[in-house]
Amino acid sequence: MANQPVTKPPGTSQSREEVQQILEQATYFIIFSVPDPQSLSQGIPMIPFIPASVYKINIVEAPRRLQVSVHPPTAECGIRTSKRISQRQIANQTLEMEVTPNNYQSGPGRTSPPTLLLPFLSQRFWMFNGHFDFLDGLGTGFRAIAGGRFFPASSLSLWIGGIAEIIEGLGQLSGFIGNLAIDGLTTPPSTFANAFLFRFVDLTGKLQADALPPVKPELPDPDYSDSALIPLMAELHPDYPIQVEPVPNQTKKRIRLVERLRLADTDFDVGPGCLKSKTVLGPVVGERQTTLVFDPDDPNETIPLFSTDSEFRFFADDGKSIGALKADLFEGRAFRTSLPELAQPFFRIVGFGPYGQGTGQFKSLDGMLVMNGALSLTPGALSSMYLLRISDPLGRFRSQQP
């Protein structure tokens, strides 16, 4: 039976366990999006007779169902993961993307100075007029705006990290609060291979399923980066409470966290009248130490955020280390959120960043980290999902087993 929400009057004292339980009542699903062969994305050149002078892209994608399975790590092989992508298209997606100056704050109603896309630089972008429509026959979908950044990958490819705020839910998503994190790779302007990590506050479990049919037929993996996907569910480590420290001469705070990491197999399905997700948590396979930097007292609902000194540490079931990976949230947002069931607001946290130094199985990696989760400071509680996307041409992480 789905959990029934209970309204808490403002000012009511709540235990960490109560708040943690509410934060965990969320539905995640990951979608893999590929180019629409019937209508490819189009680059808009800044100089009409020079096609390479792209400053804007009208993006059209064909999202597919994605199933990710991760095997518990062993000392010999480390973590192994596999993904299945459906041939069946499950949604239509269109949006507009503009490159912006790195010091420009985009937003609705603002017009960015035309900025040339340069594949060898890290550059910010702004996405608007985002339409995502599931093919469920009930008009389910959402409208969103997003911001993010390109990071150089190999050759002329670019990693994409992005943060989207869902501004209107439609059909089965009407009334839901949610965000999505974009973990993508592109060779602009027409080739995109994006993984979208969705998180919806789902107190009654309306979007959750006990079982889902297998992905059949499968699409030959369209991920031209040969990437591996590793979803990880994070919770606060019980031995390390949240530490909040002021940043000298600023209103920002340093929020020091130590998290436990669990494997997470993810799946979802879309069909006539159906939009359902299933996440199965596995064993604890690591820890993450990080320091979030933002101003929790900022009166705005959306607050800039980043992290420092962040490191994943992974181990096998015998406790033996299989490697570590430094990866900060280069850019993020905290969305102040109130619920009738919580006496105090919490923050939806969404962010992204490229990889730094790694050891063991994670040595010399190229890829992108995104996270999408929830954080309470009073009392301290956390429930988040990380998605590690790893360029894996040598097959260090990819398994052929389902």
Protein backbone atom coordinates (compact mmCIF):
# COMPACT_ATOMS: atom_id res chain seq x y z
CA MET A 1 0.00 0.00 0.00
CA ALA A 2 1.34 3.47 -0.87
CA ASN A 3 2.39 5.71 1.99
CA GLN A 4 -0.23 8.29 2.90
CA PRO A 5 1.12 11.82 3.53
CA VAL A 6 0.49 13.41 6.91
CA THR A 7 0.25 17.18 7.25
CA LYS A 8 2.56 18.76 9.84
CA PRO A 9 1.79 22.23 11.23
CA PRO A 10 4.62 24.80 10.83
CA GLY A 11 6.91 24.85 13.83
CA THR A 12 6.23 21.21 14.73
CA SER A 13 9.34 19.33 15.82
CA GLN A 14 10.26 16.43 13.55
CA SER A 15 12.91 13.79 14.01
CA ARG A 16 15.63 13.10 11.49
CA GLU A 17 14.04 9.70 10.82
CA GLU A 18 10.66 11.30 9.99
CA VAL A 19 12.20 13.79 7.60
CA GLN A 20 14.40 11.15 6.01
CA GLN A 21 11.37 8.97 5.32
CA ILE A 22 9.57 11.83 3.57
CA LEU A 23 12.61 12.77 1.46
CA GLU A 24 12.91 9.16 0.32
CA GLN A 25 9.35 9.24 -1.04
CA ALA A 26 10.46 10.22 -4.51
CA THR A 27 10.38 8.54 -7.90
CA TYR A 28 13.43 8.47 -10.16
CA PHE A 29 13.67 7.48 -13.76
CA ILE A 30 16.43 7.72 -16.33
CA ILE A 31 15.71 8.23 -20.01
CA PHE A 32 18.13 7.89 -22.93
CA SER A 33 17.51 10.35 -25.73
CA VAL A 34 18.83 10.03 -29.28
CA PRO A 35 18.42 12.05 -32.48
CA ASP A 36 15.04 11.87 -34.19
CA PRO A 37 15.88 10.37 -37.61
CA GLN A 38 12.78 12.01 -39.10
CA SER A 39 13.73 15.51 -37.91
CA LEU A 40 17.36 16.14 -36.95
CA SER A 41 18.41 19.00 -34.71
CA GLN A 42 19.41 22.10 -36.62
CA GLY A 43 22.25 24.51 -35.85
CA ILE A 44 21.56 28.19 -36.42
CA PRO A 45 24.72 29.96 -37.67
CA MET A 46 25.66 33.40 -36.42
CA ILE A 47 26.99 34.17 -39.90
CA PRO A 48 24.46 32.85 -42.46
CA PHE A 49 27.00 31.74 -45.08
CA ILE A 50 29.31 30.02 -42.52
CA PRO A 51 27.45 26.91 -41.25
CA ALA A 52 30.07 26.20 -38.57
CA SER A 53 29.40 29.52 -36.82
CA VAL A 54 26.69 27.98 -34.63
CA TYR A 55 25.33 30.00 -31.71
CA LYS A 56 21.92 28.37 -31.33
CA ILE A 57 20.50 24.86 -31.84
CA ASN A 58 16.88 23.87 -32.37
CA ILE A 59 16.93 20.43 -30.74
CA VAL A 60 14.59 17.58 -31.68
CA GLU A 61 15.16 14.25 -29.92
CA ALA A 62 13.54 10.81 -29.75
CA PRO A 63 13.62 9.63 -26.10
CA ARG A 64 13.81 5.88 -25.46
CA ARG A 65 13.11 3.66 -22.49
CA LEU A 66 16.32 2.85 -20.57
CA GLN A 67 16.98 -0.01 -18.16
CA VAL A 68 20.23 0.06 -16.14
CA SER A 69 21.55 -2.89 -14.12
CA VAL A 70 24.67 -2.65 -11.96
CA HIS A 71 26.47 -5.69 -10.57
CA PRO A 72 27.97 -5.57 -7.04
CA PRO A 73 31.69 -4.83 -7.26
CA THR A 74 34.36 -7.48 -6.81
CA ALA A 75 38.02 -7.01 -5.99
CA GLU A 76 38.95 -8.62 -9.35
CA CYS A 77 36.56 -6.83 -11.74
CA GLY A 78 35.34 -3.76 -9.86
CA ILE A 79 31.90 -2.40 -10.80
CA ARG A 80 30.19 -3.75 -13.91
CA THR A 81 27.08 -2.19 -15.41
CA SER A 82 24.84 -2.77 -18.42
CA LYS A 83 22.09 -0.81 -20.13
CA ARG A 84 19.21 -1.71 -22.39
CA ILE A 85 17.60 0.87 -24.67
CA SER A 86 14.27 0.32 -26.37
CA GLN A 87 13.71 0.59 -30.08
CA ARG A 88 10.31 2.04 -29.24
CA GLN A 89 10.22 5.82 -28.89
CA ILE A 90 8.46 6.77 -25.66
CA ALA A 91 8.24 10.58 -25.95
CA ASN A 92 8.66 13.58 -28.19
CA GLN A 93 11.07 16.29 -27.16
CA THR A 94 11.81 19.72 -28.61
CA LEU A 95 13.65 22.72 -27.20
CA GLU A 96 15.89 25.62 -28.11
CA MET A 97 19.47 25.93 -26.89
CA GLU A 98 21.57 29.10 -26.98
CA VAL A 99 25.25 29.44 -26.12
CA THR A 100 25.78 32.27 -23.63
CA PRO A 101 28.75 34.16 -22.19
CA ASN A 102 30.14 32.41 -19.11
CA ASN A 103 29.40 35.41 -16.90
CA TYR A 104 25.83 35.85 -18.18
CA GLN A 105 22.86 34.93 -16.00
CA SER A 106 20.17 33.56 -18.27
CA GLY A 107 16.49 33.47 -17.43
CA PRO A 108 12.98 33.82 -18.80
CA GLY A 109 12.46 37.10 -20.61
CA ARG A 110 16.20 37.75 -21.01
CA THR A 111 18.02 37.79 -24.35
CA SER A 112 21.60 36.56 -24.35
CA PRO A 113 24.24 38.26 -26.51
CA PRO A 114 24.90 36.00 -29.54
CA THR A 115 27.82 33.75 -28.57
CA LEU A 116 29.71 31.42 -30.91
CA LEU A 117 29.88 27.73 -29.94
CA LEU A 118 33.55 26.74 -29.62
CA PRO A 119 34.02 22.98 -29.09
CA PHE A 120 37.44 23.35 -27.44
CA LEU A 121 36.14 25.58 -24.60
CA SER A 122 33.90 25.14 -21.59
CA GLN A 123 30.85 27.31 -22.27
CA ARG A 124 27.49 27.96 -20.66
CA PHE A 125 24.17 27.46 -22.42
CA TRP A 126 20.51 28.24 -21.83
CA MET A 127 17.57 26.03 -22.86
CA PHE A 128 14.03 27.33 -23.27
CA ASN A 129 10.71 26.42 -24.89
CA GLY A 130 11.32 22.89 -23.62
CA HIS A 131 8.46 20.51 -24.51
CA PHE A 132 8.62 16.88 -23.36
CA ASP A 133 5.54 14.81 -24.22
CA PHE A 134 5.21 11.14 -23.24
CA LEU A 135 3.41 8.84 -25.67
CA ASP A 136 0.93 7.51 -23.10
CA GLY A 137 -2.26 8.68 -24.80
CA LEU A 138 -3.16 10.89 -21.82
CA GLY A 139 -1.24 14.03 -22.75
CA THR A 140 1.37 13.43 -20.04
CA GLY A 141 4.48 15.59 -20.19
CA PHE A 142 6.00 18.77 -18.90
CA ARG A 143 7.34 22.16 -19.84
CA ALA A 144 10.79 23.12 -18.60
CA ILE A 145 13.63 25.61 -18.70
CA ALA A 146 17.25 24.66 -18.19
CA GLY A 147 20.77 25.95 -17.92
CA GLY A 148 24.08 24.19 -18.10
CA ARG A 149 27.52 23.97 -19.56
CA PHE A 150 29.51 22.27 -22.31
CA PHE A 151 32.83 20.63 -21.44
CA PRO A 152 35.29 19.48 -24.13
CA ALA A 153 35.38 15.71 -24.63
CA SER A 154 37.24 13.88 -27.41
CA SER A 155 37.71 15.25 -30.92
CA LEU A 156 34.88 17.74 -31.55
CA SER A 157 32.52 16.16 -29.04
CA LEU A 158 31.25 17.94 -25.94
CA TRP A 159 30.02 16.68 -22.60
CA ILE A 160 26.76 18.33 -21.50
CA GLY A 161 25.82 18.98 -17.89
CA GLY A 162 22.49 20.67 -17.25
CA ILE A 163 19.85 21.51 -14.64
CA ALA A 164 16.20 21.74 -15.61
CA GLU A 165 13.29 23.08 -13.59
CA ILE A 166 9.95 21.56 -14.51
CA ILE A 167 7.63 24.56 -14.59
CA GLU A 168 4.44 22.74 -15.60
CA GLY A 169 3.44 19.09 -15.37
CA LEU A 170 0.75 17.74 -17.69
CA GLY A 171 -1.47 14.67 -17.66
CA GLN A 172 -0.21 12.10 -15.16
CA LEU A 173 2.48 14.56 -14.03
CA SER A 174 0.04 17.36 -13.24
CA GLY A 175 0.80 18.76 -9.79
CA PHE A 176 4.11 16.94 -9.37
CA ILE A 177 7.22 18.81 -8.17
CA GLY A 178 10.34 17.76 -10.02
CA ASN A 179 13.63 18.43 -11.71
CA LEU A 180 15.83 16.72 -14.21
CA ALA A 181 19.59 16.60 -14.56
CA ILE A 182 21.11 16.35 -18.03
CA ASP A 183 24.09 14.02 -18.51
CA GLY A 184 24.83 14.25 -22.20
CA LEU A 185 27.29 14.04 -25.03
CA THR A 186 27.00 15.84 -28.34
CA THR A 187 28.80 16.41 -31.58
CA PRO A 188 26.93 19.59 -32.44
CA PRO A 189 24.68 20.50 -33.94
CA SER A 190 22.74 17.33 -34.84
CA THR A 191 24.14 14.40 -32.84
CA PHE A 192 23.03 14.06 -29.21
CA ALA A 193 23.22 11.09 -26.85
CA ASN A 194 21.68 12.30 -23.59
CA ALA A 195 20.79 10.57 -20.35
CA PHE A 196 18.14 12.44 -18.32
CA LEU A 197 17.90 11.80 -14.57
CA PHE A 198 14.41 12.71 -13.34
CA ARG A 199 13.33 13.04 -9.72
CA PHE A 200 9.71 13.69 -8.72
CA VAL A 201 8.39 14.18 -5.19
CA ASP A 202 5.97 11.24 -4.98
CA LEU A 203 4.59 10.89 -1.44
CA THR A 204 1.93 8.33 -2.39
CA GLY A 205 4.02 6.27 -4.82
CA LYS A 206 1.70 7.03 -7.74
CA LEU A 207 4.52 6.75 -10.30
CA GLN A 208 6.07 3.58 -8.85
CA ALA A 209 5.62 -0.01 -10.03
CA ASP A 210 6.32 -3.37 -8.39
CA ALA A 211 7.37 -4.90 -11.72
CA LEU A 212 7.87 -3.81 -15.32
CA PRO A 213 8.04 -5.78 -18.58
CA PRO A 214 11.50 -6.35 -20.12
CA VAL A 215 12.89 -4.01 -22.77
CA LYS A 216 12.01 -5.70 -26.06
CA PRO A 217 13.03 -5.22 -28.76
CA GLU A 218 16.30 -3.55 -27.87
CA LEU A 219 17.98 -0.83 -29.89
CA PRO A 220 21.65 -1.47 -30.70
CA ASP A 221 23.42 0.85 -28.27
CA PRO A 222 23.27 4.30 -29.93
CA ASP A 223 25.72 5.77 -27.39
CA TYR A 224 28.59 6.63 -29.69
CA SER A 225 30.85 7.31 -26.69
CA ASP A 226 30.61 3.63 -25.58
CA SER A 227 29.67 5.00 -22.20
CA ALA A 228 28.80 3.15 -19.03
CA LEU A 229 26.05 4.43 -16.72
CA ILE A 230 26.24 3.88 -12.95
CA PRO A 231 23.28 5.11 -10.83
CA LEU A 232 24.05 5.43 -7.10
CA MET A 233 21.63 6.25 -4.29
CA ALA A 234 23.11 8.42 -1.53
CA GLU A 235 22.10 8.72 2.11
CA LEU A 236 23.83 10.39 5.04
CA HIS A 237 26.44 8.24 6.73
CA PRO A 238 25.09 7.60 10.25
CA ASP A 239 28.51 8.18 11.84
CA TYR A 240 28.98 11.66 10.32
CA PRO A 241 26.32 14.34 10.98
CA ILE A 242 25.99 17.34 8.68
CA GLN A 243 28.38 20.18 9.54
CA VAL A 244 27.39 23.75 8.63
CA GLU A 245 30.13 26.38 8.68
CA PRO A 246 30.08 30.03 7.58
CA VAL A 247 32.22 31.19 4.66
CA PRO A 248 34.29 34.16 5.91
CA ASN A 249 32.98 37.54 4.71
CA GLN A 250 30.11 35.93 2.78
CA THR A 251 26.53 34.89 3.39
CA LYS A 252 27.25 31.42 1.98
CA LYS A 253 27.71 28.34 4.15
CA ARG A 254 29.86 25.27 3.79
CA ILE A 255 27.70 22.18 4.19
CA ARG A 256 30.04 19.25 4.91
CA LEU A 257 28.56 15.82 4.15
CA VAL A 258 29.67 12.22 4.25
CA GLU A 259 27.32 9.95 2.31
CA ARG A 260 26.91 6.22 1.93
CA LEU A 261 26.42 5.01 -1.65
CA ARG A 262 24.18 2.15 -2.72
CA LEU A 263 23.88 0.59 -6.15
CA ALA A 264 20.57 1.40 -7.85
CA ASP A 265 19.06 -0.60 -10.71
CA THR A 266 16.61 1.65 -12.54
CA ASP A 267 13.83 1.01 -15.02
CA PHE A 268 10.66 2.72 -16.22
CA ASP A 269 8.02 2.20 -18.86
CA VAL A 270 5.56 4.27 -20.86
CA GLY A 271 2.50 2.85 -22.54
CA PRO A 272 -1.21 3.58 -23.06
CA GLY A 273 -2.30 5.15 -19.79
CA CYS A 274 0.95 4.10 -18.10
CA LEU A 275 3.96 6.01 -16.74
CA LYS A 276 5.71 3.89 -14.12
CA SER A 277 9.18 3.57 -12.61
CA LYS A 278 11.04 1.00 -10.55
CA THR A 279 14.27 1.53 -8.60
CA VAL A 280 15.84 -1.40 -6.77
CA LEU A 281 18.50 -0.53 -4.21
CA GLY A 282 21.52 -2.76 -3.80
CA PRO A 283 24.30 -2.99 -1.24
CA VAL A 284 26.46 -0.17 0.06
CA VAL A 285 29.44 -0.01 -2.30
CA GLY A 286 31.14 3.22 -1.31
CA GLU A 287 31.19 6.58 0.36
CA ARG A 288 31.29 10.15 -0.86
CA GLN A 289 32.75 13.09 0.97
CA THR A 290 31.72 16.52 -0.26
CA THR A 291 31.24 20.13 0.79
CA LEU A 292 28.28 22.00 -0.69
CA VAL A 293 28.64 25.78 -0.85
CA PHE A 294 25.48 27.90 -1.01
CA ASP A 295 23.41 30.32 1.04
CA PRO A 296 20.51 28.42 2.67
CA ASP A 297 19.09 31.74 3.91
CA ASP A 298 18.88 33.23 0.42
CA PRO A 299 15.22 34.38 0.12
CA ASN A 300 15.00 33.28 -3.52
CA GLU A 301 13.46 29.92 -4.33
CA THR A 302 16.37 29.04 -6.65
CA ILE A 303 19.86 29.39 -5.14
CA PRO A 304 23.25 28.96 -6.89
CA LEU A 305 25.36 26.12 -5.53
CA PHE A 306 28.64 24.28 -6.10
CA SER A 307 30.74 21.71 -4.26
CA THR A 308 34.41 21.39 -3.28
CA ASP A 309 36.75 18.66 -2.00
CA SER A 310 34.44 15.94 -3.32
CA GLU A 311 35.52 12.33 -3.73
CA PHE A 312 33.83 9.00 -4.34
CA ARG A 313 35.49 5.98 -2.68
CA PHE A 314 34.38 2.51 -3.79
CA PHE A 315 35.00 -0.90 -2.24
CA ALA A 316 34.14 -4.55 -2.83
CA ASP A 317 32.04 -6.64 -0.45
CA ASP A 318 35.17 -7.67 1.45
CA GLY A 319 35.96 -4.00 2.11
CA LYS A 320 38.87 -3.93 -0.32
CA SER A 321 39.19 -0.65 -2.22
CA ILE A 322 38.53 -0.79 -5.96
CA GLY A 323 39.20 2.89 -6.60
CA ALA A 324 38.31 6.50 -5.97
CA LEU A 325 37.15 9.40 -8.14
CA LYS A 326 37.25 13.12 -7.51
CA ALA A 327 34.23 14.84 -9.03
CA ASP A 328 32.75 18.12 -7.85
CA LEU A 329 29.47 19.74 -8.77
CA PHE A 330 30.96 22.42 -11.00
CA GLU A 331 27.58 24.09 -11.08
CA GLY A 332 24.34 23.41 -9.24
CA ARG A 333 21.07 24.81 -7.95
CA ALA A 334 19.24 24.47 -4.65
CA PHE A 335 15.45 24.81 -4.99
CA ARG A 336 13.77 25.74 -1.72
CA THR A 337 10.71 23.51 -1.34
CA SER A 338 7.89 23.34 1.20
CA LEU A 339 5.55 20.40 1.77
CA PRO A 340 2.55 20.15 4.11
CA GLU A 341 4.14 17.01 5.56
CA LEU A 342 7.31 18.85 6.63
CA ALA A 343 7.50 21.46 9.37
CA GLN A 344 10.55 23.07 7.70
CA PRO A 345 11.43 23.60 4.02
CA PHE A 346 14.00 21.38 2.36
CA PHE A 347 16.16 21.88 -0.73
CA ARG A 348 15.95 20.02 -4.00
CA ILE A 349 19.60 19.84 -5.10
CA VAL A 350 20.56 19.40 -8.76
CA GLY A 351 24.07 19.72 -10.19
CA PHE A 352 26.73 18.46 -12.57
CA GLY A 353 30.48 18.39 -13.12
CA PRO A 354 33.28 16.67 -15.06
CA TYR A 355 35.66 14.15 -13.53
CA GLY A 356 38.93 14.93 -11.84
CA GLN A 357 41.66 12.59 -10.67
CA GLY A 358 40.85 8.89 -10.17
CA THR A 359 42.55 5.78 -8.84
CA GLY A 360 42.11 2.02 -9.32
CA GLN A 361 39.28 1.17 -11.69
CA PHE A 362 38.49 4.91 -11.89
CA LYS A 363 41.95 6.02 -13.03
CA SER A 364 42.14 8.28 -16.11
CA LEU A 365 38.41 8.58 -16.75
CA ASP A 366 36.54 10.94 -19.03
CA GLY A 367 32.91 11.57 -18.23
CA MET A 368 30.24 13.57 -16.44
CA LEU A 369 28.62 13.41 -13.02
CA VAL A 370 25.07 14.59 -12.37
CA MET A 371 23.02 14.44 -9.18
CA ASN A 372 19.37 15.01 -8.37
CA GLY A 373 18.17 14.83 -4.79
CA ALA A 374 16.83 16.38 -1.60
CA LEU A 375 18.57 17.85 1.44
CA SER A 376 17.17 18.96 4.81
CA LEU A 377 19.32 20.97 7.20
CA THR A 378 16.83 21.11 10.11
CA PRO A 379 17.05 18.27 10.97
CA GLY A 380 19.85 16.87 8.81
CA ALA A 381 18.58 14.37 6.23
CA LEU A 382 19.43 13.54 2.63
CA SER A 383 18.22 11.31 -0.20
CA SER A 384 19.82 11.73 -3.62
CA MET A 385 20.74 9.87 -6.76
CA TYR A 386 24.04 10.28 -8.59
CA LEU A 387 24.48 9.22 -12.20
CA LEU A 388 28.06 8.56 -13.26
CA ARG A 389 28.48 8.54 -17.03
CA ILE A 390 31.84 7.13 -18.05
CA SER A 391 33.41 7.05 -21.50
CA ASP A 392 34.41 3.38 -21.59
CA PRO A 393 35.93 2.40 -24.96
CA LEU A 394 38.06 -0.31 -23.31
CA GLY A 395 35.13 -1.93 -21.49
CA ARG A 396 36.40 -1.42 -17.95
CA PHE A 397 32.86 -0.93 -16.62
CA ARG A 398 30.48 -2.40 -19.19
CA SER A 399 29.09 -5.90 -18.75
CA GLN A 400 27.49 -8.00 -21.45
CA GLN A 401 25.20 -9.57 -18.84
CA PRO A 402 21.69 -8.08 -18.40
